[in-house]
């Protein structure tokens, strides 16, 4: 499957596998570089998909709040972030 057509979840799964392989440290240098390059491609893909998702959420959460009736963009609230990250990120 072409990387550009890959769903976010699949790209993330492959990226996690790449990180695991690189962390083991048993790949020859050239193979490690090749795997690392694929990881960079997948990282860019995931980042682009997340940026697009954030843009879409911002569009969907726009509301009419000004007297002139213009749309005002509001960033997505971080409610429920504790659940997403498995705990309170501010707890350190």
C-alpha atoms as a PDB file:
ATOM      1  CA  UNK A   1       0.000   0.000   0.000  1.00  0.00           C
ATOM      2  CA  UNK A   2       1.249   3.450  -0.901  1.00  0.00           C
ATOM      3  CA  UNK A   3       2.158   5.462   2.206  1.00  0.00           C
ATOM      4  CA  UNK A   4      -0.031   8.404   1.117  1.00  0.00           C
ATOM      5  CA  UNK A   5      -3.123   6.157   0.987  1.00  0.00           C
ATOM      6  CA  UNK A   6      -2.404   4.473   4.317  1.00  0.00           C
ATOM      7  CA  UNK A   7      -4.897   5.111   7.128  1.00  0.00           C
ATOM      8  CA  UNK A   8      -3.529   7.010  10.127  1.00  0.00           C
ATOM      9  CA  UNK A   9      -3.932   4.034  12.450  1.00  0.00           C
ATOM     10  CA  UNK A  10      -1.929   1.747  10.148  1.00  0.00           C
ATOM     11  CA  UNK A  11       0.827   4.339   9.743  1.00  0.00           C
ATOM     12  CA  UNK A  12       1.041   4.739  13.514  1.00  0.00           C
ATOM     13  CA  UNK A  13       1.151   0.971  14.007  1.00  0.00           C
ATOM     14  CA  UNK A  14       4.002   0.671  11.485  1.00  0.00           C
ATOM     15  CA  UNK A  15       5.818   3.589  13.087  1.00  0.00           C
ATOM     16  CA  UNK A  16       5.608   1.894  16.493  1.00  0.00           C
ATOM     17  CA  UNK A  17       7.063  -1.288  14.977  1.00  0.00           C
ATOM     18  CA  UNK A  18       9.909   0.722  13.440  1.00  0.00           C
ATOM     19  CA  UNK A  19      10.707   2.356  16.774  1.00  0.00           C
ATOM     20  CA  UNK A  20      10.784  -1.081  18.418  1.00  0.00           C
ATOM     21  CA  UNK A  21      13.133  -2.452  15.742  1.00  0.00           C
ATOM     22  CA  UNK A  22      15.478   0.518  16.006  1.00  0.00           C
ATOM     23  CA  UNK A  23      15.504   0.434  19.806  1.00  0.00           C
ATOM     24  CA  UNK A  24      16.591  -3.217  19.757  1.00  0.00           C
ATOM     25  CA  UNK A  25      19.785  -2.030  18.101  1.00  0.00           C
ATOM     26  CA  UNK A  26      20.480  -5.231  16.175  1.00  0.00           C
ATOM     27  CA  UNK A  27      20.042  -3.926  12.617  1.00  0.00           C
ATOM     28  CA  UNK A  28      23.067  -3.379  10.375  1.00  0.00           C
ATOM     29  CA  UNK A  29      23.770   0.300   9.758  1.00  0.00           C
ATOM     30  CA  UNK A  30      22.398   0.480   6.190  1.00  0.00           C
ATOM     31  CA  UNK A  31      19.242  -1.399   7.131  1.00  0.00           C
ATOM     32  CA  UNK A  32      18.783   0.788  10.220  1.00  0.00           C
ATOM     33  CA  UNK A  33      19.087   3.902   8.037  1.00  0.00           C
ATOM     34  CA  UNK A  34      16.529   2.541   5.591  1.00  0.00           C
ATOM     35  CA  UNK A  35      14.120   1.702   8.414  1.00  0.00           C
ATOM     36  CA  UNK A  36      14.722   5.145   9.946  1.00  0.00           C
ATOM     37  CA  UNK A  37      13.907   6.822   6.606  1.00  0.00           C
ATOM     38  CA  UNK A  38      10.626   4.923   6.453  1.00  0.00           C
ATOM     39  CA  UNK A  39       9.932   6.066  10.012  1.00  0.00           C
ATOM     40  CA  UNK A  40      10.499   9.686   9.001  1.00  0.00           C
ATOM     41  CA  UNK A  41       8.031   9.266   6.104  1.00  0.00           C
ATOM     42  CA  UNK A  42       5.453   7.744   8.436  1.00  0.00           C
ATOM     43  CA  UNK A  43       6.018  10.488  11.021  1.00  0.00           C
ATOM     44  CA  UNK A  44       5.360  13.157   8.391  1.00  0.00           C
ATOM     45  CA  UNK A  45       2.233  11.325   7.259  1.00  0.00           C
ATOM     46  CA  UNK A  46       0.896  11.024  10.814  1.00  0.00           C
ATOM     47  CA  UNK A  47       1.696  14.671  11.540  1.00  0.00           C
ATOM     48  CA  UNK A  48      -0.091  15.816   8.393  1.00  0.00           C
ATOM     49  CA  UNK A  49      -3.140  13.683   9.208  1.00  0.00           C
ATOM     50  CA  UNK A  50      -3.271  15.066  12.763  1.00  0.00           C
ATOM     51  CA  UNK A  51      -2.929  18.643  11.502  1.00  0.00           C
ATOM     52  CA  UNK A  52      -5.796  18.061   9.081  1.00  0.00           C
ATOM     53  CA  UNK A  53      -7.925  16.509  11.829  1.00  0.00           C
ATOM     54  CA  UNK A  54      -7.246  19.507  14.082  1.00  0.00           C
ATOM     55  CA  UNK A  55      -8.213  21.868  11.255  1.00  0.00           C
ATOM     56  CA  UNK A  56     -11.458  19.985  10.726  1.00  0.00           C
ATOM     57  CA  UNK A  57     -12.262  20.037  14.456  1.00  0.00           C
ATOM     58  CA  UNK A  58     -11.638  23.784  14.548  1.00  0.00           C
ATOM     59  CA  UNK A  59     -14.008  24.285  11.629  1.00  0.00           C
ATOM     60  CA  UNK A  60     -16.671  22.142  13.270  1.00  0.00           C
ATOM     61  CA  UNK A  61     -16.401  23.983  16.584  1.00  0.00           C
ATOM     62  CA  UNK A  62     -16.706  27.472  15.125  1.00  0.00           C
ATOM     63  CA  UNK A  63     -19.540  29.433  16.634  1.00  0.00           C
ATOM     64  CA  UNK A  64     -21.257  32.730  16.125  1.00  0.00           C
ATOM     65  CA  UNK A  65     -20.085  34.760  19.103  1.00  0.00           C
ATOM     66  CA  UNK A  66     -19.563  38.294  17.853  1.00  0.00           C
ATOM     67  CA  UNK A  67     -22.250  40.959  17.474  1.00  0.00           C
ATOM     68  CA  UNK A  68     -21.507  41.229  13.769  1.00  0.00           C
ATOM     69  CA  UNK A  69     -22.489  37.586  13.230  1.00  0.00           C
ATOM     70  CA  UNK A  70     -19.055  36.634  11.925  1.00  0.00           C
ATOM     71  CA  UNK A  71     -17.753  33.173  12.591  1.00  0.00           C
ATOM     72  CA  UNK A  72     -15.044  33.009  15.194  1.00  0.00           C
ATOM     73  CA  UNK A  73     -12.717  30.020  15.278  1.00  0.00           C
ATOM     74  CA  UNK A  74     -12.313  28.382  18.659  1.00  0.00           C
ATOM     75  CA  UNK A  75      -9.635  25.766  19.254  1.00  0.00           C
ATOM     76  CA  UNK A  76     -10.752  22.316  20.287  1.00  0.00           C
ATOM     77  CA  UNK A  77     -10.994  22.110  24.078  1.00  0.00           C
ATOM     78  CA  UNK A  78      -8.707  19.630  25.822  1.00  0.00           C
ATOM     79  CA  UNK A  79     -11.560  18.078  27.797  1.00  0.00           C
ATOM     80  CA  UNK A  80     -11.101  14.355  28.161  1.00  0.00           C
ATOM     81  CA  UNK A  81      -7.360  14.639  27.604  1.00  0.00           C
ATOM     82  CA  UNK A  82      -6.771  12.615  30.779  1.00  0.00           C
ATOM     83  CA  UNK A  83      -8.540   9.658  29.166  1.00  0.00           C
ATOM     84  CA  UNK A  84      -6.636  10.059  25.894  1.00  0.00           C
ATOM     85  CA  UNK A  85      -3.210  10.063  27.555  1.00  0.00           C
ATOM     86  CA  UNK A  86      -4.002   7.559  30.288  1.00  0.00           C
ATOM     87  CA  UNK A  87      -3.878  10.001  33.176  1.00  0.00           C
ATOM     88  CA  UNK A  88      -3.291  13.601  34.053  1.00  0.00           C
ATOM     89  CA  UNK A  89      -0.389  14.873  31.933  1.00  0.00           C
ATOM     90  CA  UNK A  90       0.172  17.793  34.308  1.00  0.00           C
ATOM     91  CA  UNK A  91       0.837  15.441  37.210  1.00  0.00           C
ATOM     92  CA  UNK A  92       4.395  15.077  35.976  1.00  0.00           C
END
